[in-house]
Amino acid sequence: MTNRNLFIAFEGIDGSGKSTQVKLLAEKLESIGHKVYTTFEPTDSEIGSIIRNILIGKKNADNRTIAGLFVADRLNHLLNDENGIVKKMKEGFTVLTDRYYFSSYAYNGTHMDINWVIDANAMSASILRPHLNIFIDVPPEVSMSRINGNRDSIDLYENLENLKKVRAKYLEAFALLYQVEKIYTVDGNKDPEIIHKEIVNKIEDLI
């Protein structure tokens, strides 16, 4: 590997193991000399806090409003002058994000027109497309088993029927955008270390 800094987005339904893989890849890249910044969506900004309160049931909002909030949170994630992704990239960091706009396409697109969601996020896509979108694919049944075993609370989207629809929307979005997006799918049923090695191999090919 070289020290070219990258922007990599991890995607998957809840319980797919994204957070684990972000952590493992960050450690690997740091060990070979990369400056790494890890982040996530929804963010910990004020907009992200509103989204989280909706997801856990503390606030109510229409699905169109939720989709719009994600658009705003994502633009702030990219552009804020304190720790925005664009700023971090310019500073030479490799940025790993746990969710980016494909999450909106899948989750918001389950409840409204996916093409509207894609169009609404067009500005984020024009500002910064990931060098690679890594989709960790697990069956929704496995996802729910993991969620029920690891979580104290379940959010708005975390039920089996919805996660089946979300996974289908991910695949639909990938089919719609394969010509402009770099997408790598990995089997999330494997041991986390095996998944990690496959991801590292893919990133070496990318570089």
C-alpha atoms as a PDB file:
ATOM      1  CA  MET A   1       0.000   0.000   0.000  1.00  0.00           C
ATOM      2  CA  THR A   2       0.956   3.606  -0.485  1.00  0.00           C
ATOM      3  CA  ASN A   3       0.003   6.550   1.690  1.00  0.00           C
ATOM      4  CA  ARG A   4      -2.544   7.958  -0.785  1.00  0.00           C
ATOM      5  CA  ASN A   5      -5.450   9.040   1.381  1.00  0.00           C
ATOM      6  CA  LEU A   6      -8.810   7.483   0.628  1.00  0.00           C
ATOM      7  CA  PHE A   7     -12.482   8.009   1.422  1.00  0.00           C
ATOM      8  CA  ILE A   8     -14.196   4.701   2.173  1.00  0.00           C
ATOM      9  CA  ALA A   9     -17.842   4.216   3.146  1.00  0.00           C
ATOM     10  CA  PHE A  10     -19.065   1.109   4.956  1.00  0.00           C
ATOM     11  CA  GLU A  11     -22.654   0.088   4.285  1.00  0.00           C
ATOM     12  CA  GLY A  12     -25.011  -2.640   5.426  1.00  0.00           C
ATOM     13  CA  ILE A  13     -28.223  -3.278   7.297  1.00  0.00           C
ATOM     14  CA  ASP A  14     -28.148  -2.896  11.065  1.00  0.00           C
ATOM     15  CA  GLY A  15     -26.186  -5.669  12.746  1.00  0.00           C
ATOM     16  CA  SER A  16     -24.050  -6.377   9.675  1.00  0.00           C
ATOM     17  CA  GLY A  17     -20.739  -5.766  11.460  1.00  0.00           C
ATOM     18  CA  LYS A  18     -19.806  -2.435   9.875  1.00  0.00           C
ATOM     19  CA  SER A  19     -18.503  -0.847  13.057  1.00  0.00           C
ATOM     20  CA  THR A  20     -16.177  -3.782  13.726  1.00  0.00           C
ATOM     21  CA  GLN A  21     -14.756  -3.590  10.205  1.00  0.00           C
ATOM     22  CA  VAL A  22     -14.250   0.182  10.394  1.00  0.00           C
ATOM     23  CA  LYS A  23     -12.224  -0.309  13.583  1.00  0.00           C
ATOM     24  CA  LEU A  24     -10.132  -3.166  12.143  1.00  0.00           C
ATOM     25  CA  LEU A  25      -9.384  -1.304   8.914  1.00  0.00           C
ATOM     26  CA  ALA A  26      -8.463   1.880  10.778  1.00  0.00           C
ATOM     27  CA  GLU A  27      -5.962  -0.060  12.885  1.00  0.00           C
ATOM     28  CA  LYS A  28      -4.498  -1.721   9.791  1.00  0.00           C
ATOM     29  CA  LEU A  29      -4.107   1.512   7.845  1.00  0.00           C
ATOM     30  CA  GLU A  30      -2.583   3.333  10.824  1.00  0.00           C
ATOM     31  CA  SER A  31      -0.082   0.497  11.234  1.00  0.00           C
ATOM     32  CA  ILE A  32       1.269   1.155   7.727  1.00  0.00           C
ATOM     33  CA  GLY A  33       1.484   4.910   8.097  1.00  0.00           C
ATOM     34  CA  HIS A  34      -1.881   6.334   7.123  1.00  0.00           C
ATOM     35  CA  LYS A  35      -3.468   9.145   9.104  1.00  0.00           C
ATOM     36  CA  VAL A  36      -6.989   7.806   9.655  1.00  0.00           C
ATOM     37  CA  TYR A  37     -10.169   9.612  10.669  1.00  0.00           C
ATOM     38  CA  THR A  38     -13.202   7.463  11.483  1.00  0.00           C
ATOM     39  CA  THR A  39     -16.707   8.869  11.502  1.00  0.00           C
ATOM     40  CA  PHE A  40     -20.348   7.829  11.217  1.00  0.00           C
ATOM     41  CA  GLU A  41     -23.860   8.828  10.187  1.00  0.00           C
ATOM     42  CA  PRO A  42     -26.133  10.085  11.545  1.00  0.00           C
ATOM     43  CA  THR A  43     -23.456  12.323  13.018  1.00  0.00           C
ATOM     44  CA  ASP A  44     -23.159  13.637  16.567  1.00  0.00           C
ATOM     45  CA  SER A  45     -24.086  17.146  15.358  1.00  0.00           C
ATOM     46  CA  GLU A  46     -27.319  18.912  16.342  1.00  0.00           C
ATOM     47  CA  ILE A  47     -28.969  17.659  13.162  1.00  0.00           C
ATOM     48  CA  GLY A  48     -27.759  14.131  13.837  1.00  0.00           C
ATOM     49  CA  SER A  49     -29.127  14.351  17.378  1.00  0.00           C
ATOM     50  CA  ILE A  50     -32.591  15.182  16.026  1.00  0.00           C
ATOM     51  CA  ILE A  51     -32.384  12.145  13.727  1.00  0.00           C
ATOM     52  CA  ARG A  52     -31.322   9.858  16.575  1.00  0.00           C
ATOM     53  CA  ASN A  53     -34.199  11.057  18.741  1.00  0.00           C
ATOM     54  CA  ILE A  54     -36.599  10.241  15.916  1.00  0.00           C
ATOM     55  CA  LEU A  55     -35.076   6.803  15.415  1.00  0.00           C
ATOM     56  CA  ILE A  56     -35.406   5.889  19.092  1.00  0.00           C
ATOM     57  CA  GLY A  57     -38.966   7.228  19.299  1.00  0.00           C
ATOM     58  CA  LYS A  58     -38.409  10.395  21.323  1.00  0.00           C
ATOM     59  CA  LYS A  59     -39.640  12.550  18.423  1.00  0.00           C
ATOM     60  CA  ASN A  60     -42.067  11.905  15.600  1.00  0.00           C
ATOM     61  CA  ALA A  61     -41.491  12.893  11.962  1.00  0.00           C
ATOM     62  CA  ASP A  62     -42.778  12.078   8.504  1.00  0.00           C
ATOM     63  CA  ASN A  63     -40.530   9.853   6.380  1.00  0.00           C
ATOM     64  CA  ARG A  64     -39.974  12.745   3.968  1.00  0.00           C
ATOM     65  CA  THR A  65     -38.795  14.902   6.840  1.00  0.00           C
ATOM     66  CA  ILE A  66     -36.450  12.163   8.047  1.00  0.00           C
ATOM     67  CA  ALA A  67     -34.968  11.835   4.552  1.00  0.00           C
ATOM     68  CA  GLY A  68     -34.447  15.597   4.403  1.00  0.00           C
ATOM     69  CA  LEU A  69     -32.750  15.631   7.791  1.00  0.00           C
ATOM     70  CA  PHE A  70     -30.304  12.980   6.593  1.00  0.00           C
ATOM     71  CA  VAL A  71     -29.507  15.125   3.541  1.00  0.00           C
ATOM     72  CA  ALA A  72     -28.773  18.110   5.788  1.00  0.00           C
ATOM     73  CA  ASP A  73     -26.757  16.056   8.261  1.00  0.00           C
ATOM     74  CA  ARG A  74     -24.680  14.605   5.420  1.00  0.00           C
ATOM     75  CA  LEU A  75     -23.888  17.995   3.901  1.00  0.00           C
ATOM     76  CA  ASN A  76     -22.812  19.259   7.315  1.00  0.00           C
ATOM     77  CA  HIS A  77     -20.783  16.076   7.761  1.00  0.00           C
ATOM     78  CA  LEU A  78     -18.937  16.900   4.559  1.00  0.00           C
ATOM     79  CA  LEU A  79     -18.616  20.664   4.830  1.00  0.00           C
ATOM     80  CA  ASN A  80     -18.410  21.801   8.448  1.00  0.00           C
ATOM     81  CA  ASP A  81     -15.178  23.680   9.081  1.00  0.00           C
ATOM     82  CA  GLU A  82     -14.296  21.929  12.337  1.00  0.00           C
ATOM     83  CA  ASN A  83     -14.093  18.239  11.442  1.00  0.00           C
ATOM     84  CA  GLY A  84     -15.874  17.910   8.082  1.00  0.00           C
ATOM     85  CA  ILE A  85     -14.858  15.088   5.780  1.00  0.00           C
ATOM     86  CA  VAL A  86     -13.699  17.461   3.034  1.00  0.00           C
ATOM     87  CA  LYS A  87     -11.455  19.269   5.531  1.00  0.00           C
ATOM     88  CA  LYS A  88     -10.029  15.974   6.798  1.00  0.00           C
ATOM     89  CA  MET A  89      -9.337  14.788   3.254  1.00  0.00           C
ATOM     90  CA  LYS A  90      -7.503  18.025   2.448  1.00  0.00           C
ATOM     91  CA  GLU A  91      -5.409  17.505   5.601  1.00  0.00           C
ATOM     92  CA  GLY A  92      -4.281  14.132   4.240  1.00  0.00           C
ATOM     93  CA  PHE A  93      -6.455  11.832   6.327  1.00  0.00           C
ATOM     94  CA  THR A  94      -7.903   8.604   5.032  1.00  0.00           C
ATOM     95  CA  VAL A  95     -11.540   8.851   6.085  1.00  0.00           C
ATOM     96  CA  LEU A  96     -13.618   5.796   6.985  1.00  0.00           C
ATOM     97  CA  THR A  97     -17.316   6.417   7.505  1.00  0.00           C
ATOM     98  CA  ASP A  98     -19.854   4.050   9.026  1.00  0.00           C
ATOM     99  CA  ARG A  99     -22.704   4.871   6.600  1.00  0.00           C
ATOM    100  CA  TYR A 100     -22.935   7.435   3.815  1.00  0.00           C
ATOM    101  CA  TYR A 101     -25.531   8.164   1.143  1.00  0.00           C
ATOM    102  CA  PHE A 102     -26.247   4.545   0.171  1.00  0.00           C
ATOM    103  CA  SER A 103     -27.766   4.198   3.649  1.00  0.00           C
ATOM    104  CA  SER A 104     -30.250   6.925   2.746  1.00  0.00           C
ATOM    105  CA  TYR A 105     -31.003   5.264  -0.578  1.00  0.00           C
ATOM    106  CA  ALA A 106     -31.752   2.001   1.218  1.00  0.00           C
ATOM    107  CA  TYR A 107     -33.450   3.110   4.438  1.00  0.00           C
ATOM    108  CA  ASN A 108     -35.300   6.223   3.232  1.00  0.00           C
ATOM    109  CA  GLY A 109     -35.903   4.632  -0.164  1.00  0.00           C
ATOM    110  CA  THR A 110     -37.855   1.859   1.543  1.00  0.00           C
ATOM    111  CA  HIS A 111     -40.515   4.378   2.578  1.00  0.00           C
ATOM    112  CA  MET A 112     -40.524   6.739  -0.409  1.00  0.00           C
ATOM    113  CA  ASP A 113     -39.350   7.016  -4.034  1.00  0.00           C
ATOM    114  CA  ILE A 114     -35.720   5.910  -4.141  1.00  0.00           C
ATOM    115  CA  ASN A 115     -35.044   8.192  -7.105  1.00  0.00           C
ATOM    116  CA  TRP A 116     -36.128  11.209  -5.053  1.00  0.00           C
ATOM    117  CA  VAL A 117     -33.690  10.166  -2.313  1.00  0.00           C
ATOM    118  CA  ILE A 118     -30.864   9.771  -4.832  1.00  0.00           C
ATOM    119  CA  ASP A 119     -31.632  13.171  -6.346  1.00  0.00           C
ATOM    120  CA  ALA A 120     -31.837  14.789  -2.902  1.00  0.00           C
ATOM    121  CA  ASN A 121     -28.329  13.530  -2.137  1.00  0.00           C
ATOM    122  CA  ALA A 122     -26.887  14.559  -5.506  1.00  0.00           C
ATOM    123  CA  MET A 123     -25.024  17.499  -3.995  1.00  0.00           C
ATOM    124  CA  SER A 124     -23.219  15.250  -1.499  1.00  0.00           C
ATOM    125  CA  ALA A 125     -22.319  12.863  -4.306  1.00  0.00           C
ATOM    126  CA  SER A 126     -20.962  15.726  -6.398  1.00  0.00           C
ATOM    127  CA  ILE A 127     -18.869  17.007  -3.488  1.00  0.00           C
ATOM    128  CA  LEU A 128     -17.304  13.654  -2.601  1.00  0.00           C
ATOM    129  CA  ARG A 129     -17.890  10.135  -3.858  1.00  0.00           C
ATOM    130  CA  PRO A 130     -16.211   7.335  -1.916  1.00  0.00           C
ATOM    131  CA  HIS A 131     -13.207   5.698  -3.510  1.00  0.00           C
ATOM    132  CA  LEU A 132     -15.002   2.533  -2.409  1.00  0.00           C
ATOM    133  CA  ASN A 133     -18.407   1.648  -0.928  1.00  0.00           C
ATOM    134  CA  ILE A 134     -18.041  -1.569   1.073  1.00  0.00           C
ATOM    135  CA  PHE A 135     -21.331  -3.414   1.533  1.00  0.00           C
ATOM    136  CA  ILE A 136     -21.269  -6.019   4.294  1.00  0.00           C
ATOM    137  CA  ASP A 137     -24.121  -8.306   3.339  1.00  0.00           C
ATOM    138  CA  VAL A 138     -25.928 -10.414   5.941  1.00  0.00           C
ATOM    139  CA  PRO A 139     -29.377 -12.018   5.880  1.00  0.00           C
ATOM    140  CA  PRO A 140     -31.909  -9.890   7.774  1.00  0.00           C
ATOM    141  CA  GLU A 141     -32.626 -12.848  10.059  1.00  0.00           C
ATOM    142  CA  VAL A 142     -28.976 -12.896  11.148  1.00  0.00           C
ATOM    143  CA  SER A 143     -29.060  -9.133  11.566  1.00  0.00           C
ATOM    144  CA  MET A 144     -32.075  -9.295  13.908  1.00  0.00           C
ATOM    145  CA  SER A 145     -30.475 -12.074  15.934  1.00  0.00           C
ATOM    146  CA  ARG A 146     -27.368  -9.937  16.445  1.00  0.00           C
ATOM    147  CA  ILE A 147     -29.394  -6.815  17.269  1.00  0.00           C
ATOM    148  CA  ASN A 148     -31.542  -8.632  19.822  1.00  0.00           C
ATOM    149  CA  GLY A 149     -28.441 -10.083  21.431  1.00  0.00           C
ATOM    150  CA  ASN A 150     -26.413  -6.875  21.600  1.00  0.00           C
ATOM    151  CA  ARG A 151     -28.793  -3.952  22.047  1.00  0.00           C
ATOM    152  CA  ASP A 152     -30.683  -2.539  25.015  1.00  0.00           C
ATOM    153  CA  SER A 153     -33.105  -0.773  22.667  1.00  0.00           C
ATOM    154  CA  ILE A 154     -34.292  -1.219  19.079  1.00  0.00           C
ATOM    155  CA  ASP A 155     -34.697   1.762  16.751  1.00  0.00           C
ATOM    156  CA  LEU A 156     -37.383   2.697  14.239  1.00  0.00           C
ATOM    157  CA  TYR A 157     -35.986   0.684  11.333  1.00  0.00           C
ATOM    158  CA  GLU A 158     -34.796  -2.386  13.241  1.00  0.00           C
ATOM    159  CA  ASN A 159     -37.423  -5.022  12.572  1.00  0.00           C
ATOM    160  CA  LEU A 160     -37.235  -8.057  10.313  1.00  0.00           C
ATOM    161  CA  GLU A 161     -39.818  -6.943   7.748  1.00  0.00           C
ATOM    162  CA  ASN A 162     -38.201  -3.546   7.314  1.00  0.00           C
ATOM    163  CA  LEU A 163     -34.642  -4.897   7.158  1.00  0.00           C
ATOM    164  CA  LYS A 164     -35.667  -7.283   4.382  1.00  0.00           C
ATOM    165  CA  LYS A 165     -36.940  -4.277   2.422  1.00  0.00           C
ATOM    166  CA  VAL A 166     -33.824  -2.251   3.234  1.00  0.00           C
ATOM    167  CA  ARG A 167     -31.497  -4.981   1.989  1.00  0.00           C
ATOM    168  CA  ALA A 168     -33.535  -5.179  -1.236  1.00  0.00           C
ATOM    169  CA  LYS A 169     -33.260  -1.395  -1.641  1.00  0.00           C
ATOM    170  CA  TYR A 170     -29.495  -1.542  -1.183  1.00  0.00           C
ATOM    171  CA  LEU A 171     -29.315  -4.009  -4.056  1.00  0.00           C
ATOM    172  CA  GLU A 172     -31.656  -1.841  -6.143  1.00  0.00           C
ATOM    173  CA  ALA A 173     -29.515   1.243  -5.492  1.00  0.00           C
ATOM    174  CA  PHE A 174     -26.331  -0.614  -6.421  1.00  0.00           C
ATOM    175  CA  ALA A 175     -27.951  -1.728  -9.687  1.00  0.00           C
ATOM    176  CA  LEU A 176     -29.035   1.833 -10.455  1.00  0.00           C
ATOM    177  CA  LEU A 177     -25.650   3.400  -9.730  1.00  0.00           C
ATOM    178  CA  TYR A 178     -23.064   0.754 -10.598  1.00  0.00           C
ATOM    179  CA  GLN A 179     -21.754   2.837 -13.500  1.00  0.00           C
ATOM    180  CA  VAL A 180     -20.789   5.789 -11.287  1.00  0.00           C
ATOM    181  CA  GLU A 181     -20.060   4.152  -7.927  1.00  0.00           C
ATOM    182  CA  LYS A 182     -17.379   1.675  -6.850  1.00  0.00           C
ATOM    183  CA  ILE A 183     -19.122  -0.988  -4.798  1.00  0.00           C
ATOM    184  CA  TYR A 184     -17.589  -4.026  -3.129  1.00  0.00           C
ATOM    185  CA  THR A 185     -19.832  -6.631  -1.493  1.00  0.00           C
ATOM    186  CA  VAL A 186     -18.464  -8.921   1.186  1.00  0.00           C
ATOM    187  CA  ASP A 187     -20.199 -11.842   2.911  1.00  0.00           C
ATOM    188  CA  GLY A 188     -20.932 -10.677   6.456  1.00  0.00           C
ATOM    189  CA  ASN A 189     -21.562 -14.235   7.685  1.00  0.00           C
ATOM    190  CA  LYS A 190     -17.846 -14.992   7.720  1.00  0.00           C
ATOM    191  CA  ASP A 191     -15.506 -14.606  10.667  1.00  0.00           C
ATOM    192  CA  PRO A 192     -14.713 -10.892  11.224  1.00  0.00           C
ATOM    193  CA  GLU A 193     -10.976 -11.469  10.674  1.00  0.00           C
ATOM    194  CA  ILE A 194     -11.635 -13.172   7.324  1.00  0.00           C
ATOM    195  CA  ILE A 195     -13.902 -10.292   6.273  1.00  0.00           C
ATOM    196  CA  HIS A 196     -11.192  -7.848   7.329  1.00  0.00           C
ATOM    197  CA  LYS A 197      -8.556  -9.614   5.217  1.00  0.00           C
ATOM    198  CA  GLU A 198     -10.838  -9.568   2.177  1.00  0.00           C
ATOM    199  CA  ILE A 199     -11.426  -5.832   2.639  1.00  0.00           C
ATOM    200  CA  VAL A 200      -7.693  -5.152   3.011  1.00  0.00           C
ATOM    201  CA  ASN A 201      -6.996  -7.104  -0.172  1.00  0.00           C
ATOM    202  CA  LYS A 202      -9.620  -5.095  -2.046  1.00  0.00           C
ATOM    203  CA  ILE A 203      -8.185  -1.782  -0.841  1.00  0.00           C
ATOM    204  CA  GLU A 204      -4.683  -2.868  -1.877  1.00  0.00           C
ATOM    205  CA  ASP A 205      -6.087  -3.518  -5.361  1.00  0.00           C
ATOM    206  CA  LEU A 206      -7.748  -0.103  -5.317  1.00  0.00           C
ATOM    207  CA  ILE A 207      -4.553   1.703  -4.435  1.00  0.00           C
END
